[in-house]
Protein backbone atom coordinates (compact mmCIF):
# COMPACT_ATOMS: atom_id res chain seq x y z
CA UNK A 1 5.39 -20.79 6.25
CA UNK A 2 2.32 -18.80 6.87
CA UNK A 3 -0.23 -18.50 4.48
CA UNK A 4 -0.84 -15.48 2.51
CA UNK A 5 -4.22 -13.32 2.62
CA UNK A 6 -3.92 -12.36 -0.96
CA UNK A 7 -5.38 -14.45 -4.31
CA UNK A 8 -2.80 -12.04 -6.31
CA UNK A 9 -0.19 -13.91 -4.75
CA UNK A 10 0.39 -16.36 -7.97
CA UNK A 11 1.32 -12.51 -10.07
CA UNK A 12 4.62 -12.26 -7.25
CA UNK A 13 8.31 -13.89 -7.71
CA UNK A 14 9.89 -15.76 -5.66
CA UNK A 15 11.23 -13.33 -4.39
CA UNK A 16 8.28 -11.43 -3.12
CA UNK A 17 6.96 -14.07 -1.26
CA UNK A 18 9.71 -15.20 0.47
CA UNK A 19 11.01 -11.67 1.95
CA UNK A 20 6.94 -11.48 2.48
CA UNK A 21 6.85 -14.71 4.63
CA UNK A 22 10.00 -14.37 6.19
CA UNK A 23 8.36 -10.78 7.66
CA UNK A 24 5.29 -12.97 8.21
CA UNK A 25 6.93 -15.00 10.07
CA UNK A 26 8.79 -12.86 12.32
CA UNK A 27 5.81 -10.58 13.03
CA UNK A 28 4.25 -13.75 13.88
CA UNK A 29 7.14 -14.47 16.74
CA UNK A 30 6.85 -11.27 17.86
CA UNK A 31 3.26 -11.61 19.34
CA UNK A 32 4.28 -14.67 20.53
CA UNK A 33 6.88 -13.47 21.98
CA UNK A 34 5.08 -10.26 23.45
CA UNK A 35 2.13 -12.65 24.34
CA UNK A 36 4.40 -14.66 26.83
CA UNK A 37 6.05 -12.00 28.30
CA UNK A 38 3.43 -11.05 30.64
CA UNK A 39 5.36 -8.43 32.04
CA UNK A 40 8.81 -10.24 31.76
CA UNK A 41 11.36 -7.37 30.89
CA UNK A 42 14.02 -9.40 29.74
CA UNK A 43 11.90 -9.59 26.36
CA UNK A 44 11.93 -6.28 25.03
CA UNK A 45 15.04 -5.93 22.72
CA UNK A 46 14.03 -9.80 21.70
CA UNK A 47 10.54 -8.49 21.02
CA UNK A 48 12.27 -4.97 19.16
CA UNK A 49 15.30 -7.41 16.59
CA UNK A 50 11.72 -9.83 15.59
CA UNK A 51 9.45 -6.62 14.86
CA UNK A 52 13.14 -4.75 13.32
CA UNK A 53 13.30 -7.50 10.73
CA UNK A 54 10.19 -7.75 9.98
CA UNK A 55 9.22 -4.48 8.85
CA UNK A 56 13.12 -5.04 6.92
CA UNK A 57 11.80 -7.72 5.11
CA UNK A 58 7.97 -6.45 3.82
CA UNK A 59 10.04 -3.19 3.01
CA UNK A 60 12.40 -5.70 0.54
CA UNK A 61 8.56 -7.50 -0.28
CA UNK A 62 7.24 -4.82 -1.42
CA UNK A 63 10.22 -2.89 -3.47
CA UNK A 64 10.60 -6.26 -5.08
CA UNK A 65 6.97 -6.76 -5.73
CA UNK A 66 6.92 -3.00 -7.46
CA UNK A 67 10.47 -2.60 -8.84
CA UNK A 68 12.52 -5.78 -8.64
CA UNK A 69 14.72 -4.60 -6.40
CA UNK A 70 15.86 -4.88 -2.45
CA UNK A 71 18.47 -3.66 -0.26
CA UNK A 72 21.12 -5.09 -0.01
CA UNK A 73 22.01 -7.20 2.36
CA UNK A 74 23.98 -5.94 5.73
CA UNK A 75 23.10 -2.95 5.07
CA UNK A 76 19.45 -2.46 5.95
CA UNK A 77 19.36 2.03 5.90
CA UNK A 78 19.03 0.81 2.46
CA UNK A 79 15.57 -0.68 2.16
CA UNK A 80 14.25 3.34 2.96
CA UNK A 81 15.94 4.11 -0.01
CA UNK A 82 14.49 1.16 -2.89
CA UNK A 83 11.33 1.29 -0.98
CA UNK A 84 11.55 5.10 -2.26
CA UNK A 85 13.28 4.63 -5.25
CA UNK A 86 10.79 1.52 -5.46
CA UNK A 87 7.51 4.07 -4.45
CA UNK A 88 7.94 7.36 -5.45
CA UNK A 89 5.48 8.79 -4.18
CA UNK A 90 3.17 6.39 -2.89
CA UNK A 91 5.56 5.76 0.27
CA UNK A 92 3.89 8.28 2.65
CA UNK A 93 6.08 10.03 4.97
CA UNK A 94 4.24 8.10 8.12
CA UNK A 95 5.11 5.27 6.77
CA UNK A 96 8.67 6.24 5.56
CA UNK A 97 9.17 7.43 9.95
CA UNK A 98 7.64 4.50 10.75
CA UNK A 99 10.66 2.44 9.23
CA UNK A 100 13.78 5.02 9.25
CA UNK A 101 12.39 4.72 13.27
CA UNK A 102 12.55 0.82 12.71
CA UNK A 103 15.70 1.05 11.43
CA UNK A 104 17.23 3.50 13.79
CA UNK A 105 17.17 1.25 16.46
CA UNK A 106 18.11 -1.59 14.90
CA UNK A 107 22.40 -0.79 15.77
CA UNK A 108 21.55 -0.56 19.73
CA UNK A 109 19.18 -3.37 20.03
CA UNK A 110 21.48 -5.73 18.07
CA UNK A 111 24.88 -4.75 18.40
CA UNK A 112 25.79 -2.09 20.91
CA UNK A 113 23.88 -4.49 24.38
CA UNK A 114 21.31 -1.77 25.23
CA UNK A 115 18.57 -3.13 27.17
CA UNK A 116 15.31 -2.73 25.45
CA UNK A 117 12.46 -3.16 28.39
CA UNK A 118 9.67 -5.20 27.76
CA UNK A 119 8.00 -1.51 26.79
CA UNK A 120 9.99 -0.59 24.07
CA UNK A 121 10.02 -3.86 22.27
CA UNK A 122 5.97 -3.64 22.69
CA UNK A 123 6.26 -0.37 20.92
CA UNK A 124 8.76 -1.46 17.77
CA UNK A 125 6.17 -3.73 17.69
CA UNK A 126 3.40 -1.72 17.46
CA UNK A 127 5.70 0.81 14.70
CA UNK A 128 6.20 -2.70 12.64
CA UNK A 129 2.45 -3.55 12.92
CA UNK A 130 1.19 -1.06 11.56
CA UNK A 131 4.07 -0.51 8.60
CA UNK A 132 3.07 -4.35 8.15
CA UNK A 133 -0.99 -3.19 7.20
CA UNK A 134 0.45 -0.23 5.24
CA UNK A 135 2.41 -2.33 3.01
CA UNK A 136 -0.18 -5.39 3.08
CA UNK A 137 -2.30 -1.90 1.10
CA UNK A 138 0.48 -1.69 -1.32
CA UNK A 139 -0.04 -5.06 -2.07
CA UNK A 140 -3.12 -4.94 -2.74
CA UNK A 141 -3.32 -2.15 -4.53
CA UNK A 142 -0.73 -3.12 -6.78
CA UNK A 143 -0.90 -3.39 -10.85
């Protein structure tokens, strides 16, 4: 598991640590695939899927840290609802929109057989990075 960057980490319970660690690992894997891909279009779906799951795990980690709740397994659309319930008006519309757009793409990436070109995968990765940066700030602000 990657080393966490937060000195207050012991204040978080194991569920937060697990969800956050999963998110870090998935985002690192997406970054590695993007670097490995070069211009190979076949990596788009894998990069997108890792990015999407990273954002869902990061949302779950924030939800657990603030409200001791996470989205139900298998229903990723709940991640936005649970995060909104956990944070209220501390969840900016921009970050909520990033998470909504990532989750909305999940079915087409995972189940519908849609081909995601490399540029689309990289776009999902950039959205996941932006969402992760915001979530990390929320960890630092947590009382």
